[in-house]
Amino acid sequence: MPMNKWKSAHLVIAFVWVVHALSWYLPAFGDSSDSVRGWFAFWLALWPIRREYPGAIADPWYYSALAHASAATTFMFAVGSPLAVWRGSRSVRRAYAWIAITAFIFNSHWYVFPHWVSREDLSVGYFLWWLSFGLLAIGLFKLSSHSTANHYKHLPQTEVQETHVNPA
């Protein structure tokens, strides 16, 4: 992989981590006088019993399942993405990029199917948190994609061919 592409992929991922970290401290939902920060929204999504919240008893079971799964994607982002970047092979990074895309699509449920939080109440913290999954996928795809020609650029053509020959 050319050095400039390698650096740009790492810059994208570093930017994504900063955006994700910012989303934890910015308002995720609520109006300006009563906003909920991202870290507290994560804690609420993990809360096992929602009986303390108005209307929670009438909520279908899948609302809690969606919230718990959403919190799990955040955990996967915080723990899994550094492992994929620092220790992962190309195939692990690519697989994790697909997981990040899936999390990006899945986490849109807070906007597409407003149940506990209305669309109007979603704030900048939510959108940065949500966007970080899509940007992570872009960075991981960028990091994992490089051709063997670039990888073996320093070798003469005959050595490149010999490294790709399958022993019979």
C-alpha atoms as a PDB file:
ATOM      1  CA  MET A   1       0.000   0.000   0.000  1.00  0.00           C
ATOM      2  CA  PRO A   2       1.443   3.388  -0.912  1.00  0.00           C
ATOM      3  CA  MET A   3       2.428   5.399   2.122  1.00  0.00           C
ATOM      4  CA  ASN A   4       0.123   8.328   1.331  1.00  0.00           C
ATOM      5  CA  LYS A   5      -2.916   6.021   1.057  1.00  0.00           C
ATOM      6  CA  TRP A   6      -1.904   4.321   4.314  1.00  0.00           C
ATOM      7  CA  LYS A   7      -1.606   7.686   6.035  1.00  0.00           C
ATOM      8  CA  SER A   8      -4.893   8.965   4.647  1.00  0.00           C
ATOM      9  CA  ALA A   9      -6.709   5.846   5.868  1.00  0.00           C
ATOM     10  CA  HIS A  10      -5.256   6.313   9.346  1.00  0.00           C
ATOM     11  CA  LEU A  11      -6.176   9.999   9.290  1.00  0.00           C
ATOM     12  CA  VAL A  12      -9.777   9.125   8.397  1.00  0.00           C
ATOM     13  CA  ILE A  13      -9.950   6.605  11.233  1.00  0.00           C
ATOM     14  CA  ALA A  14      -8.344   9.015  13.722  1.00  0.00           C
ATOM     15  CA  PHE A  15     -10.887  11.657  12.689  1.00  0.00           C
ATOM     16  CA  VAL A  16     -13.689   9.120  13.172  1.00  0.00           C
ATOM     17  CA  TRP A  17     -12.510   8.295  16.679  1.00  0.00           C
ATOM     18  CA  VAL A  18     -12.451  11.999  17.563  1.00  0.00           C
ATOM     19  CA  VAL A  19     -15.962  12.485  16.139  1.00  0.00           C
ATOM     20  CA  HIS A  20     -17.226   9.464  18.072  1.00  0.00           C
ATOM     21  CA  ALA A  21     -15.616  10.724  21.294  1.00  0.00           C
ATOM     22  CA  LEU A  22     -17.174  14.168  20.795  1.00  0.00           C
ATOM     23  CA  SER A  23     -20.599  12.580  20.352  1.00  0.00           C
ATOM     24  CA  TRP A  24     -20.382  11.216  23.889  1.00  0.00           C
ATOM     25  CA  TYR A  25     -20.206  14.741  25.336  1.00  0.00           C
ATOM     26  CA  LEU A  26     -22.555  16.595  23.008  1.00  0.00           C
ATOM     27  CA  PRO A  27     -26.350  16.554  23.395  1.00  0.00           C
ATOM     28  CA  ALA A  28     -27.793  13.412  21.789  1.00  0.00           C
ATOM     29  CA  PHE A  29     -31.449  14.288  22.243  1.00  0.00           C
ATOM     30  CA  GLY A  30     -33.783  16.601  24.081  1.00  0.00           C
ATOM     31  CA  ASP A  31     -34.479  20.292  23.859  1.00  0.00           C
ATOM     32  CA  SER A  32     -31.920  22.933  24.753  1.00  0.00           C
ATOM     33  CA  SER A  33     -33.055  23.210  28.363  1.00  0.00           C
ATOM     34  CA  ASP A  34     -33.228  19.470  29.032  1.00  0.00           C
ATOM     35  CA  SER A  35     -30.762  17.713  26.746  1.00  0.00           C
ATOM     36  CA  VAL A  36     -29.249  14.271  27.262  1.00  0.00           C
ATOM     37  CA  ARG A  37     -25.543  13.873  26.547  1.00  0.00           C
ATOM     38  CA  GLY A  38     -24.296  10.932  24.498  1.00  0.00           C
ATOM     39  CA  TRP A  39     -22.745   9.035  27.409  1.00  0.00           C
ATOM     40  CA  PHE A  40     -26.027   9.233  29.328  1.00  0.00           C
ATOM     41  CA  ALA A  41     -27.983   8.132  26.240  1.00  0.00           C
ATOM     42  CA  PHE A  42     -25.690   5.086  26.090  1.00  0.00           C
ATOM     43  CA  TRP A  43     -26.416   4.373  29.751  1.00  0.00           C
ATOM     44  CA  LEU A  44     -30.170   4.732  29.135  1.00  0.00           C
ATOM     45  CA  ALA A  45     -29.971   2.281  26.237  1.00  0.00           C
ATOM     46  CA  LEU A  46     -28.363  -0.240  28.562  1.00  0.00           C
ATOM     47  CA  TRP A  47     -30.887   0.283  31.329  1.00  0.00           C
ATOM     48  CA  PRO A  48     -32.518  -3.141  31.825  1.00  0.00           C
ATOM     49  CA  ILE A  49     -35.836  -2.059  33.347  1.00  0.00           C
ATOM     50  CA  ARG A  50     -37.669   0.863  31.832  1.00  0.00           C
ATOM     51  CA  ARG A  51     -40.535   0.999  34.306  1.00  0.00           C
ATOM     52  CA  GLU A  52     -39.296   4.340  35.618  1.00  0.00           C
ATOM     53  CA  TYR A  53     -40.027   6.077  32.333  1.00  0.00           C
ATOM     54  CA  PRO A  54     -43.549   7.201  31.388  1.00  0.00           C
ATOM     55  CA  GLY A  55     -45.163   4.899  28.862  1.00  0.00           C
ATOM     56  CA  ALA A  56     -42.446   2.273  29.217  1.00  0.00           C
ATOM     57  CA  ILE A  57     -44.835  -0.460  30.325  1.00  0.00           C
ATOM     58  CA  ALA A  58     -46.871  -0.037  27.142  1.00  0.00           C
ATOM     59  CA  ASP A  59     -43.770  -0.240  24.927  1.00  0.00           C
ATOM     60  CA  PRO A  60     -43.338  -3.432  22.942  1.00  0.00           C
ATOM     61  CA  TRP A  61     -40.395  -5.671  23.894  1.00  0.00           C
ATOM     62  CA  TYR A  62     -38.541  -4.910  20.673  1.00  0.00           C
ATOM     63  CA  TYR A  63     -37.991  -1.271  21.664  1.00  0.00           C
ATOM     64  CA  SER A  64     -35.755  -2.478  24.483  1.00  0.00           C
ATOM     65  CA  ALA A  65     -34.099  -4.972  22.149  1.00  0.00           C
ATOM     66  CA  LEU A  66     -33.344  -2.180  19.657  1.00  0.00           C
ATOM     67  CA  ALA A  67     -31.894   0.024  22.395  1.00  0.00           C
ATOM     68  CA  HIS A  68     -29.714  -2.787  23.779  1.00  0.00           C
ATOM     69  CA  ALA A  69     -28.487  -3.725  20.304  1.00  0.00           C
ATOM     70  CA  SER A  70     -27.708  -0.062  19.623  1.00  0.00           C
ATOM     71  CA  ALA A  71     -25.637   0.097  22.809  1.00  0.00           C
ATOM     72  CA  ALA A  72     -23.860  -3.092  21.713  1.00  0.00           C
ATOM     73  CA  THR A  73     -22.854  -1.422  18.428  1.00  0.00           C
ATOM     74  CA  THR A  74     -21.320   1.417  20.433  1.00  0.00           C
ATOM     75  CA  PHE A  75     -19.383  -1.065  22.535  1.00  0.00           C
ATOM     76  CA  MET A  76     -18.219  -2.815  19.355  1.00  0.00           C
ATOM     77  CA  PHE A  77     -17.099   0.551  17.973  1.00  0.00           C
ATOM     78  CA  ALA A  78     -15.141   1.511  21.090  1.00  0.00           C
ATOM     79  CA  VAL A  79     -13.473  -1.866  21.616  1.00  0.00           C
ATOM     80  CA  GLY A  80     -13.488  -3.505  18.197  1.00  0.00           C
ATOM     81  CA  SER A  81     -12.347  -0.715  15.921  1.00  0.00           C
ATOM     82  CA  PRO A  82      -8.981  -0.131  17.648  1.00  0.00           C
ATOM     83  CA  LEU A  83      -8.355  -3.871  17.625  1.00  0.00           C
ATOM     84  CA  ALA A  84      -9.236  -4.093  13.933  1.00  0.00           C
ATOM     85  CA  VAL A  85      -6.974  -1.170  13.051  1.00  0.00           C
ATOM     86  CA  TRP A  86      -3.979  -2.071  15.191  1.00  0.00           C
ATOM     87  CA  ARG A  87      -4.062  -5.873  15.171  1.00  0.00           C
ATOM     88  CA  GLY A  88      -6.372  -6.922  12.362  1.00  0.00           C
ATOM     89  CA  SER A  89      -5.423  -8.429   9.034  1.00  0.00           C
ATOM     90  CA  ARG A  90      -6.852  -7.079   5.786  1.00  0.00           C
ATOM     91  CA  SER A  91      -9.718  -9.559   5.933  1.00  0.00           C
ATOM     92  CA  VAL A  92     -10.499  -8.663   9.564  1.00  0.00           C
ATOM     93  CA  ARG A  93     -10.514  -4.967   8.708  1.00  0.00           C
ATOM     94  CA  ARG A  94     -12.762  -5.563   5.734  1.00  0.00           C
ATOM     95  CA  ALA A  95     -15.144  -7.712   7.803  1.00  0.00           C
ATOM     96  CA  TYR A  96     -15.198  -5.051  10.505  1.00  0.00           C
ATOM     97  CA  ALA A  97     -15.928  -2.405   7.863  1.00  0.00           C
ATOM     98  CA  TRP A  98     -19.006  -4.407   6.849  1.00  0.00           C
ATOM     99  CA  ILE A  99     -20.002  -4.636  10.511  1.00  0.00           C
ATOM    100  CA  ALA A 100     -19.655  -0.846  10.782  1.00  0.00           C
ATOM    101  CA  ILE A 101     -21.888  -0.372   7.720  1.00  0.00           C
ATOM    102  CA  THR A 102     -24.442  -2.713   9.251  1.00  0.00           C
ATOM    103  CA  ALA A 103     -24.288  -0.741  12.527  1.00  0.00           C
ATOM    104  CA  PHE A 104     -24.695   2.517  10.586  1.00  0.00           C
ATOM    105  CA  ILE A 105     -27.821   1.214   8.880  1.00  0.00           C
ATOM    106  CA  PHE A 106     -29.157  -0.381  12.062  1.00  0.00           C
ATOM    107  CA  ASN A 107     -28.631   2.730  14.204  1.00  0.00           C
ATOM    108  CA  SER A 108     -30.706   4.786  11.816  1.00  0.00           C
ATOM    109  CA  HIS A 109     -33.716   3.263  13.603  1.00  0.00           C
ATOM    110  CA  TRP A 110     -33.572   6.126  16.124  1.00  0.00           C
ATOM    111  CA  TYR A 111     -34.399   8.504  13.274  1.00  0.00           C
ATOM    112  CA  VAL A 112     -36.465   6.291  10.980  1.00  0.00           C
ATOM    113  CA  PHE A 113     -38.664   4.725  13.687  1.00  0.00           C
ATOM    114  CA  PRO A 114     -38.948   7.303  16.448  1.00  0.00           C
ATOM    115  CA  HIS A 115     -40.245   5.536  19.530  1.00  0.00           C
ATOM    116  CA  TRP A 116     -38.719   6.983  22.718  1.00  0.00           C
ATOM    117  CA  VAL A 117     -37.222  10.037  21.081  1.00  0.00           C
ATOM    118  CA  SER A 118     -38.915  12.090  18.391  1.00  0.00           C
ATOM    119  CA  ARG A 119     -36.981  13.120  15.305  1.00  0.00           C
ATOM    120  CA  GLU A 120     -37.175  16.759  16.296  1.00  0.00           C
ATOM    121  CA  ASP A 121     -35.483  15.994  19.630  1.00  0.00           C
ATOM    122  CA  LEU A 122     -32.459  14.253  18.104  1.00  0.00           C
ATOM    123  CA  SER A 123     -29.458  16.509  18.361  1.00  0.00           C
ATOM    124  CA  VAL A 124     -25.909  16.917  17.066  1.00  0.00           C
ATOM    125  CA  GLY A 125     -24.479  14.234  19.381  1.00  0.00           C
ATOM    126  CA  TYR A 126     -26.733  11.569  17.886  1.00  0.00           C
ATOM    127  CA  PHE A 127     -25.917  12.541  14.314  1.00  0.00           C
ATOM    128  CA  LEU A 128     -22.161  12.591  14.960  1.00  0.00           C
ATOM    129  CA  TRP A 129     -22.406   9.221  16.759  1.00  0.00           C
ATOM    130  CA  TRP A 130     -24.415   7.767  13.872  1.00  0.00           C
ATOM    131  CA  LEU A 131     -22.127   9.246  11.218  1.00  0.00           C
ATOM    132  CA  SER A 132     -19.055   7.829  12.964  1.00  0.00           C
ATOM    133  CA  PHE A 133     -20.128   4.277  12.053  1.00  0.00           C
ATOM    134  CA  GLY A 134     -20.332   5.119   8.348  1.00  0.00           C
ATOM    135  CA  LEU A 135     -17.031   7.003   8.410  1.00  0.00           C
ATOM    136  CA  LEU A 136     -15.389   4.116  10.265  1.00  0.00           C
ATOM    137  CA  ALA A 137     -16.480   1.772   7.481  1.00  0.00           C
ATOM    138  CA  ILE A 138     -14.969   4.102   4.867  1.00  0.00           C
ATOM    139  CA  GLY A 139     -11.689   4.287   6.776  1.00  0.00           C
ATOM    140  CA  LEU A 140     -11.492   0.529   7.298  1.00  0.00           C
ATOM    141  CA  PHE A 141     -12.270  -0.192   3.660  1.00  0.00           C
ATOM    142  CA  LYS A 142      -9.591   2.292   2.694  1.00  0.00           C
ATOM    143  CA  LEU A 143      -7.138   0.688   5.108  1.00  0.00           C
ATOM    144  CA  SER A 144      -7.908  -2.856   3.983  1.00  0.00           C
ATOM    145  CA  SER A 145      -7.892  -2.262   0.239  1.00  0.00           C
ATOM    146  CA  HIS A 146      -4.579  -2.474  -1.451  1.00  0.00           C
ATOM    147  CA  SER A 147      -3.528  -4.535  -4.417  1.00  0.00           C
ATOM    148  CA  THR A 148      -0.774  -7.098  -4.386  1.00  0.00           C
ATOM    149  CA  ALA A 149       0.976  -5.102  -7.119  1.00  0.00           C
ATOM    150  CA  ASN A 150       1.444  -2.191  -4.744  1.00  0.00           C
ATOM    151  CA  HIS A 151       2.350  -4.525  -1.923  1.00  0.00           C
ATOM    152  CA  TYR A 152       5.158  -6.106  -3.962  1.00  0.00           C
ATOM    153  CA  LYS A 153       6.224  -2.898  -5.687  1.00  0.00           C
ATOM    154  CA  HIS A 154       9.785  -3.145  -4.359  1.00  0.00           C
ATOM    155  CA  LEU A 155      10.352  -6.659  -5.854  1.00  0.00           C
ATOM    156  CA  PRO A 156      11.294  -7.425  -9.442  1.00  0.00           C
ATOM    157  CA  GLN A 157       8.488  -8.912 -11.528  1.00  0.00           C
ATOM    158  CA  THR A 158       9.887 -12.479 -11.429  1.00  0.00           C
ATOM    159  CA  GLU A 159       9.949 -12.513  -7.616  1.00  0.00           C
ATOM    160  CA  VAL A 160       6.363 -11.290  -7.506  1.00  0.00           C
ATOM    161  CA  GLN A 161       5.293 -14.125  -9.785  1.00  0.00           C
ATOM    162  CA  GLU A 162       7.180 -16.679  -7.669  1.00  0.00           C
ATOM    163  CA  THR A 163       5.454 -15.539  -4.468  1.00  0.00           C
ATOM    164  CA  HIS A 164       2.027 -16.112  -6.043  1.00  0.00           C
ATOM    165  CA  VAL A 165       2.745 -19.602  -7.406  1.00  0.00           C
ATOM    166  CA  ASN A 166       0.780 -22.278  -5.583  1.00  0.00           C
ATOM    167  CA  PRO A 167       2.929 -25.290  -4.660  1.00  0.00           C
ATOM    168  CA  ALA A 168       1.485 -28.479  -6.102  1.00  0.00           C
END
